[in-house]
Amino acid sequence: MSKKINGNGAGSIYYDASKKHYYAAVTTPAGQRIKKSFLNKTEAAAWKNAQLTDISRGIFVEPTNITVGAWAITWLSTYKKGAVKQRTYERYKQLVAHLDQIADIKLQELQPIQVQQLYKGLPLSNCTINKVHKILKELYTKAYNLDMIPKNIMVAVVPPRFEKPEIRIFSPKEIEIILRTCHDTTWLKRYYPIILLGATTGMRIGEILGLRWCDILFPTSEVYIKRSLQQSLEIGLFLETPKTKAGIRKISVTEDVIKELKKFKKDAPTMDIKQEQLCFITKNNTPIAPHNFERVWHQILAKANVPYRNFHVLRHTHATELLAQGVPIIEVSRRLGHARVSHTLDLYGHAIPNYDDKIADNVRSLYIIPK
């Protein structure tokens, strides 16, 4: 083996005859001796010079053995746990689990093509793979910002394309049948106020199940949404505040809803003066778990002979009907508790009536056009 050693701090290049490879080596600012093999001397020299340039510019990243999997665990525990809602954190953990195929690869050595191959092999929908992509992109962006990697390889990774499914809604007739079935069926009647609130307010099921009697403002016919009942794999049932400030809101309800809630309250267990008990509870006076209510919802639709769509479709239906009736989109957005009107527009813009003919009439009245 012949060897060439350059001056101190200049790195070195040598040829290993037994392996028929050139090796380039440099000493890092931390005193590590790193090397890499190449098929020819030109490539070895280029790599060596690139490392020395980064060192001289102060942008060199020290090599580490941390793997993608190890960094994902650290990222979750350090930057996500406690910083996001519990269910969001658990969803992140589920998505990170899909990185198992690349978990043992060093963070600094993962290549874009390996990520693309991961995506192709995942037995998931393109929508879910896109969520995995967002997680991995966030992992690498944080690592890059912390100077753990020399470059962010995720900028070269292309996620699979997918089209958002069309918003599904119930027809007015189906809503009427669902409400009537629930109201007139003895063993379902106790759930009627929940369905009524969902259909007439667009509230999420967690928001409805998290309502307390003190949140029902009977004198003003309003509901004050402050928290949501959630179900976690790790901690069970718990109340949490909405994801954004916009989620904390007061919304008006109809006189019929107020009357129904007043009747329902008469049968509620004895409560203290603050009336902080949940409005909707089980026969054992415990909160109604959202997953358990989903089974009830299945039974209601089956009894009503209405094709199954999840409870959240009541929210989509409410928003769509309001927009179709000409309610300004900003008001619909506030009622739904969306943080951005653009999100409401993205979801329900198709439901806004076409006012183009009326706009033309308005424009005509603005100007005196010479003839």
Protein backbone atom coordinates (compact mmCIF):
# COMPACT_ATOMS: atom_id res chain seq x y z
CA MET A 1 0.00 0.00 0.00
CA SER A 2 1.40 3.39 -0.99
CA LYS A 3 0.47 6.41 1.05
CA LYS A 4 0.65 10.14 0.54
CA ILE A 5 0.41 12.47 3.50
CA ASN A 6 -0.20 16.17 3.01
CA GLY A 7 0.79 18.94 5.36
CA ASN A 8 -0.70 19.34 8.85
CA GLY A 9 -4.40 20.24 8.61
CA ALA A 10 -4.45 19.72 4.86
CA GLY A 11 -5.82 16.19 4.97
CA SER A 12 -4.40 13.26 3.06
CA ILE A 13 -5.04 10.94 0.15
CA TYR A 14 -3.67 7.43 -0.17
CA TYR A 15 -4.14 4.37 -2.34
CA ASP A 16 -4.88 0.91 -0.90
CA ALA A 17 -3.58 -1.58 -3.47
CA SER A 18 -5.26 -4.56 -1.79
CA LYS A 19 -8.68 -2.95 -2.08
CA LYS A 20 -7.93 -0.99 -5.23
CA HIS A 21 -9.45 2.15 -3.74
CA TYR A 22 -8.25 5.67 -3.02
CA TYR A 23 -8.90 7.02 0.47
CA ALA A 24 -9.22 10.65 1.47
CA ALA A 25 -8.89 11.62 5.13
CA VAL A 26 -9.23 14.83 7.15
CA THR A 27 -9.12 15.74 10.82
CA THR A 28 -12.28 17.50 12.02
CA PRO A 29 -12.33 20.51 14.35
CA ALA A 30 -13.29 18.11 17.17
CA GLY A 31 -10.19 15.99 16.50
CA GLN A 32 -11.95 13.13 14.73
CA ARG A 33 -10.07 11.47 11.88
CA ILE A 34 -12.60 10.73 9.12
CA LYS A 35 -12.02 9.06 5.80
CA LYS A 36 -13.89 7.92 2.71
CA SER A 37 -13.05 5.56 -0.16
CA PHE A 38 -13.21 6.39 -3.88
CA LEU A 39 -12.55 4.66 -7.18
CA ASN A 40 -10.20 7.38 -8.40
CA LYS A 41 -7.90 10.04 -7.02
CA THR A 42 -9.83 12.96 -8.53
CA GLU A 43 -12.99 12.12 -6.58
CA ALA A 44 -10.96 11.59 -3.40
CA ALA A 45 -9.33 15.00 -3.79
CA ALA A 46 -12.67 16.69 -4.46
CA TRP A 47 -14.19 15.21 -1.30
CA LYS A 48 -11.17 16.12 0.82
CA ASN A 49 -11.15 19.70 -0.46
CA ALA A 50 -14.89 20.05 0.15
CA GLN A 51 -14.47 18.97 3.79
CA LEU A 52 -11.55 21.34 4.30
CA THR A 53 -13.55 24.20 2.74
CA ASP A 54 -16.47 23.58 5.11
CA ILE A 55 -14.05 23.46 8.05
CA SER A 56 -12.42 26.74 7.05
CA ARG A 57 -15.85 28.39 6.63
CA GLY A 58 -17.03 27.11 10.00
CA ILE A 59 -19.93 25.15 8.54
CA PHE A 60 -18.52 21.65 8.90
CA VAL A 61 -20.83 19.17 10.63
CA GLU A 62 -19.16 16.63 12.88
CA PRO A 63 -19.97 13.00 11.99
CA THR A 64 -22.27 11.20 14.42
CA ASN A 65 -23.62 7.67 14.69
CA ILE A 66 -27.17 8.74 15.54
CA THR A 67 -29.70 6.85 13.42
CA VAL A 68 -32.94 8.02 11.88
CA GLY A 69 -34.88 5.98 14.44
CA ALA A 70 -32.93 7.30 17.42
CA TRP A 71 -33.33 10.89 16.24
CA ALA A 72 -37.09 10.36 15.68
CA ILE A 73 -37.48 9.21 19.30
CA THR A 74 -35.45 12.17 20.57
CA TRP A 75 -37.41 14.59 18.36
CA LEU A 76 -40.73 13.28 19.64
CA SER A 77 -39.80 13.42 23.32
CA THR A 78 -37.97 16.75 23.14
CA TYR A 79 -39.93 18.84 20.67
CA LYS A 80 -43.42 17.34 20.48
CA LYS A 81 -44.41 15.78 23.79
CA GLY A 82 -46.16 18.49 25.78
CA ALA A 83 -45.88 20.98 22.89
CA VAL A 84 -48.81 19.57 20.89
CA LYS A 85 -52.17 18.12 21.88
CA GLN A 86 -52.06 14.59 23.28
CA ARG A 87 -53.87 12.99 20.36
CA THR A 88 -51.64 14.85 17.88
CA TYR A 89 -48.59 13.53 19.73
CA GLU A 90 -49.93 9.99 19.59
CA ARG A 91 -50.64 10.40 15.87
CA TYR A 92 -47.03 11.53 15.37
CA LYS A 93 -45.86 8.37 17.15
CA GLN A 94 -47.99 6.22 14.83
CA LEU A 95 -46.56 7.94 11.75
CA VAL A 96 -42.96 7.66 13.00
CA ALA A 97 -43.50 3.90 13.39
CA HIS A 98 -43.77 3.70 9.57
CA LEU A 99 -40.09 4.75 9.33
CA ASP A 100 -38.98 1.35 10.63
CA GLN A 101 -37.42 0.37 7.28
CA ILE A 102 -34.90 3.25 7.49
CA ALA A 103 -34.68 3.51 11.28
CA ASP A 104 -31.23 1.90 11.53
CA ILE A 105 -29.63 4.09 8.84
CA LYS A 106 -27.42 6.88 10.15
CA LEU A 107 -29.14 10.25 10.04
CA GLN A 108 -26.24 11.73 8.07
CA GLU A 109 -26.12 8.87 5.57
CA LEU A 110 -29.75 8.48 4.51
CA GLN A 111 -30.19 9.20 0.79
CA PRO A 112 -33.26 10.60 -1.00
CA ILE A 113 -33.62 7.44 -3.10
CA GLN A 114 -33.91 5.35 0.07
CA VAL A 115 -36.77 7.56 1.23
CA GLN A 116 -38.51 7.24 -2.15
CA GLN A 117 -38.14 3.46 -1.93
CA LEU A 118 -39.61 3.56 1.58
CA TYR A 119 -42.68 5.41 0.29
CA LYS A 120 -43.17 2.92 -2.56
CA GLY A 121 -43.09 -0.01 -0.17
CA LEU A 122 -45.48 1.31 2.48
CA PRO A 123 -48.87 -0.46 2.41
CA LEU A 124 -50.66 2.84 3.07
CA SER A 125 -52.81 5.30 1.17
CA ASN A 126 -51.06 8.17 -0.59
CA CYS A 127 -52.73 10.53 1.87
CA THR A 128 -51.14 8.73 4.85
CA ILE A 129 -47.76 8.48 3.09
CA ASN A 130 -47.88 12.24 2.63
CA LYS A 131 -48.29 12.58 6.39
CA VAL A 132 -45.27 10.30 6.89
CA HIS A 133 -43.39 12.55 4.45
CA LYS A 134 -44.28 15.66 6.44
CA ILE A 135 -43.03 14.03 9.65
CA LEU A 136 -39.73 12.97 8.06
CA LYS A 137 -39.32 16.41 6.50
CA GLU A 138 -39.84 18.04 9.89
CA LEU A 139 -37.35 15.62 11.47
CA TYR A 140 -34.66 16.53 8.95
CA THR A 141 -35.40 20.25 9.01
CA LYS A 142 -34.93 20.30 12.78
CA ALA A 143 -31.72 18.24 12.50
CA TYR A 144 -30.40 20.63 9.84
CA ASN A 145 -31.23 23.69 11.95
CA LEU A 146 -29.37 22.09 14.86
CA ASP A 147 -26.29 21.51 12.66
CA MET A 148 -26.63 17.75 13.02
CA ILE A 149 -26.54 17.16 9.27
CA PRO A 150 -24.66 19.00 6.51
CA LYS A 151 -27.72 19.26 4.24
CA ASN A 152 -31.42 18.55 4.31
CA ILE A 153 -31.93 15.61 1.94
CA MET A 154 -35.72 15.93 2.18
CA VAL A 155 -35.74 18.86 -0.23
CA ALA A 156 -34.97 16.31 -2.96
CA VAL A 157 -37.72 13.87 -1.92
CA VAL A 158 -41.03 13.96 -3.79
CA PRO A 159 -44.12 12.71 -1.89
CA PRO A 160 -46.79 10.78 -3.79
CA ARG A 161 -49.61 12.82 -5.26
CA PHE A 162 -53.12 12.37 -4.00
CA GLU A 163 -56.46 14.06 -4.41
CA LYS A 164 -58.50 15.04 -1.39
CA PRO A 165 -61.77 13.12 -1.32
CA GLU A 166 -64.90 15.12 -1.99
CA ILE A 167 -66.76 16.37 1.07
CA ARG A 168 -69.72 14.11 1.77
CA ILE A 169 -72.95 15.49 3.23
CA PHE A 170 -76.41 14.37 4.25
CA SER A 171 -79.42 15.60 2.32
CA PRO A 172 -82.01 17.71 4.21
CA LYS A 173 -84.40 14.77 3.98
CA GLU A 174 -81.81 12.42 5.54
CA ILE A 175 -81.20 14.87 8.39
CA GLU A 176 -84.94 15.02 9.00
CA ILE A 177 -85.20 11.21 9.07
CA ILE A 178 -82.21 10.86 11.41
CA LEU A 179 -83.61 13.43 13.86
CA ARG A 180 -87.10 11.95 13.76
CA THR A 181 -85.83 8.39 14.26
CA CYS A 182 -83.70 9.39 17.22
CA HIS A 183 -86.50 11.47 18.76
CA ASP A 184 -89.18 8.81 18.39
CA THR A 185 -87.17 5.71 19.36
CA THR A 186 -87.27 5.13 23.10
CA TRP A 187 -83.81 3.62 23.52
CA LEU A 188 -82.24 6.32 21.29
CA LYS A 189 -84.08 9.37 22.63
CA ARG A 190 -81.41 10.13 25.24
CA TYR A 191 -78.98 10.80 22.38
CA TYR A 192 -81.36 13.12 20.54
CA PRO A 193 -79.90 16.40 21.95
CA ILE A 194 -76.42 15.31 20.80
CA ILE A 195 -77.62 14.68 17.24
CA LEU A 196 -79.64 17.90 17.29
CA LEU A 197 -76.60 19.95 18.31
CA GLY A 198 -74.45 18.28 15.66
CA ALA A 199 -76.96 18.98 12.90
CA THR A 200 -77.76 22.59 13.88
CA THR A 201 -74.37 23.89 15.00
CA GLY A 202 -71.68 21.94 13.13
CA MET A 203 -69.92 21.20 16.43
CA ARG A 204 -67.42 18.34 16.54
CA ILE A 205 -68.46 15.30 18.56
CA GLY A 206 -65.70 15.95 21.10
CA GLU A 207 -66.95 19.52 21.57
CA ILE A 208 -70.52 18.31 22.16
CA LEU A 209 -69.51 15.56 24.59
CA GLY A 210 -67.28 18.07 26.41
CA LEU A 211 -70.09 20.57 27.03
CA ARG A 212 -70.92 21.38 30.64
CA TRP A 213 -74.22 22.85 31.78
CA CYS A 214 -72.48 26.11 32.62
CA ASP A 215 -71.48 26.32 28.93
CA ILE A 216 -75.13 26.45 27.82
CA LEU A 217 -76.16 30.11 27.92
CA PHE A 218 -79.94 29.72 28.08
CA PRO A 219 -80.85 33.47 28.36
CA THR A 220 -78.99 34.34 25.14
CA SER A 221 -79.56 31.02 23.27
CA GLU A 222 -75.82 30.43 22.88
CA VAL A 223 -73.38 27.61 23.45
CA TYR A 224 -69.93 28.47 24.77
CA ILE A 225 -67.35 26.03 23.39
CA LYS A 226 -64.29 26.01 25.64
CA ARG A 227 -63.04 22.44 25.59
CA SER A 228 -63.40 19.08 23.92
CA LEU A 229 -63.68 15.54 25.30
CA GLN A 230 -60.94 13.39 23.79
CA GLN A 231 -59.93 9.75 24.02
CA SER A 232 -56.26 8.83 24.24
CA LEU A 233 -54.55 5.46 24.03
CA GLU A 234 -52.13 6.54 26.75
CA ILE A 235 -54.30 8.44 29.25
CA GLY A 236 -57.89 7.51 28.42
CA LEU A 237 -60.65 10.15 28.45
CA PHE A 238 -59.69 13.75 29.11
CA LEU A 239 -60.89 17.30 28.47
CA GLU A 240 -58.64 19.59 26.46
CA THR A 241 -58.83 23.10 25.06
CA PRO A 242 -59.23 23.55 21.28
CA LYS A 243 -56.14 23.46 19.07
CA THR A 244 -56.38 27.18 18.28
CA LYS A 245 -57.87 30.32 19.86
CA ALA A 246 -60.51 30.32 17.13
CA GLY A 247 -61.81 27.03 18.52
CA ILE A 248 -62.90 28.79 21.72
CA ARG A 249 -66.13 30.43 20.62
CA LYS A 250 -69.76 31.22 21.33
CA ILE A 251 -72.28 30.14 18.76
CA SER A 252 -75.99 30.84 18.54
CA VAL A 253 -78.52 28.02 18.61
CA THR A 254 -82.19 27.91 17.66
CA GLU A 255 -85.06 28.21 20.08
CA ASP A 256 -85.95 24.56 19.42
CA VAL A 257 -82.46 23.48 20.54
CA ILE A 258 -82.70 25.56 23.72
CA LYS A 259 -86.10 24.06 24.53
CA GLU A 260 -84.76 20.54 24.04
CA LEU A 261 -81.72 21.23 26.23
CA LYS A 262 -83.97 22.66 28.96
CA LYS A 263 -86.07 19.48 28.92
CA PHE A 264 -82.95 17.35 28.95
CA LYS A 265 -81.50 19.29 31.89
CA LYS A 266 -84.56 18.51 34.04
CA ASP A 267 -83.54 14.83 34.05
CA ALA A 268 -79.87 15.57 34.78
CA PRO A 269 -78.37 14.40 38.10
CA THR A 270 -78.27 16.90 40.96
CA MET A 271 -75.52 19.42 40.29
CA ASP A 272 -73.63 22.02 42.27
CA ILE A 273 -74.14 25.76 41.93
CA LYS A 274 -71.35 26.14 39.34
CA GLN A 275 -73.04 23.55 37.09
CA GLU A 276 -69.71 22.28 35.81
CA GLN A 277 -70.98 18.74 35.23
CA LEU A 278 -70.97 17.39 31.69
CA CYS A 279 -74.29 17.66 29.88
CA PHE A 280 -74.04 14.24 28.25
CA ILE A 281 -73.10 11.27 30.40
CA THR A 282 -73.67 7.52 30.57
CA LYS A 283 -76.22 5.81 32.82
CA ASN A 284 -73.34 5.40 35.29
CA ASN A 285 -72.76 9.18 35.34
CA THR A 286 -69.46 8.90 33.49
CA PRO A 287 -68.38 10.75 30.31
CA ILE A 288 -69.51 9.27 26.99
CA ALA A 289 -66.37 8.10 25.21
CA PRO A 290 -66.28 9.32 21.58
CA HIS A 291 -65.45 5.79 20.38
CA ASN A 292 -68.47 4.40 22.24
CA PHE A 293 -70.73 7.07 20.78
CA GLU A 294 -69.56 6.06 17.31
CA ARG A 295 -71.25 2.67 17.90
CA VAL A 296 -74.47 4.46 18.86
CA TRP A 297 -74.23 6.57 15.71
CA HIS A 298 -74.01 3.38 13.64
CA GLN A 299 -77.19 2.13 15.35
CA ILE A 300 -79.04 5.41 14.74
CA LEU A 301 -78.29 5.42 11.02
CA ALA A 302 -79.17 1.74 10.72
CA LYS A 303 -82.50 2.34 12.48
CA ALA A 304 -83.16 5.34 10.22
CA ASN A 305 -82.19 3.30 7.13
CA VAL A 306 -79.76 6.04 6.09
CA PRO A 307 -76.44 4.99 4.46
CA TYR A 308 -73.55 5.27 6.92
CA ARG A 309 -71.41 8.40 7.01
CA ASN A 310 -69.47 9.33 10.13
CA PHE A 311 -70.75 11.88 12.63
CA HIS A 312 -68.36 14.54 11.30
CA VAL A 313 -70.44 14.63 8.11
CA LEU A 314 -73.09 16.52 10.11
CA ARG A 315 -70.49 19.29 10.45
CA HIS A 316 -69.81 19.27 6.70
CA THR A 317 -73.54 19.33 6.00
CA HIS A 318 -74.14 22.28 8.33
CA ALA A 319 -71.33 24.33 6.76
CA THR A 320 -72.41 23.51 3.22
CA GLU A 321 -76.05 24.45 3.86
CA LEU A 322 -75.11 27.77 5.49
CA LEU A 323 -72.92 28.76 2.54
CA ALA A 324 -75.59 27.67 0.06
CA GLN A 325 -78.01 30.03 1.84
CA GLY A 326 -75.62 32.94 1.36
CA VAL A 327 -74.14 33.18 4.88
CA PRO A 328 -70.75 34.96 4.50
CA ILE A 329 -67.87 32.52 4.59
CA ILE A 330 -66.11 34.41 7.38
CA GLU A 331 -69.17 33.88 9.61
CA VAL A 332 -69.30 30.19 8.75
CA SER A 333 -65.59 29.92 9.51
CA ARG A 334 -66.08 31.54 12.93
CA ARG A 335 -69.00 29.25 13.71
CA LEU A 336 -66.92 26.18 12.86
CA GLY A 337 -63.95 27.44 14.89
CA HIS A 338 -61.49 27.38 12.00
CA ALA A 339 -58.25 29.27 12.58
CA ARG A 340 -58.14 30.48 8.96
CA VAL A 341 -60.94 31.41 6.57
CA SER A 342 -58.79 29.94 3.79
CA HIS A 343 -59.26 26.50 5.38
CA THR A 344 -63.04 26.93 5.30
CA LEU A 345 -62.86 28.09 1.70
CA ASP A 346 -60.69 25.12 0.75
CA LEU A 347 -63.18 22.69 2.29
CA TYR A 348 -66.48 24.24 1.30
CA GLY A 349 -65.82 26.76 -1.46
CA HIS A 350 -67.74 24.59 -3.90
CA ALA A 351 -70.94 25.24 -1.93
CA ILE A 352 -70.85 29.03 -2.37
CA PRO A 353 -73.55 30.07 -4.87
CA ASN A 354 -72.50 31.52 -8.21
CA TYR A 355 -73.13 35.26 -8.05
CA ASP A 356 -71.44 36.07 -11.36
CA ASP A 357 -74.62 37.36 -13.06
CA LYS A 358 -75.41 39.62 -10.11
CA ILE A 359 -71.81 40.85 -10.05
CA ALA A 360 -72.11 41.87 -13.70
CA ASP A 361 -75.23 43.89 -12.83
CA ASN A 362 -73.37 45.58 -9.98
CA VAL A 363 -70.45 46.46 -12.23
CA ARG A 364 -72.86 47.91 -14.80
CA SER A 365 -74.25 50.31 -12.19
CA LEU A 366 -70.80 51.52 -11.17
CA TYR A 367 -69.87 53.36 -14.33
CA ILE A 368 -71.44 55.42 -17.06
CA ILE A 369 -70.13 53.71 -20.19
CA PRO A 370 -70.16 55.81 -23.39
CA LYS A 371 -72.23 54.41 -26.23
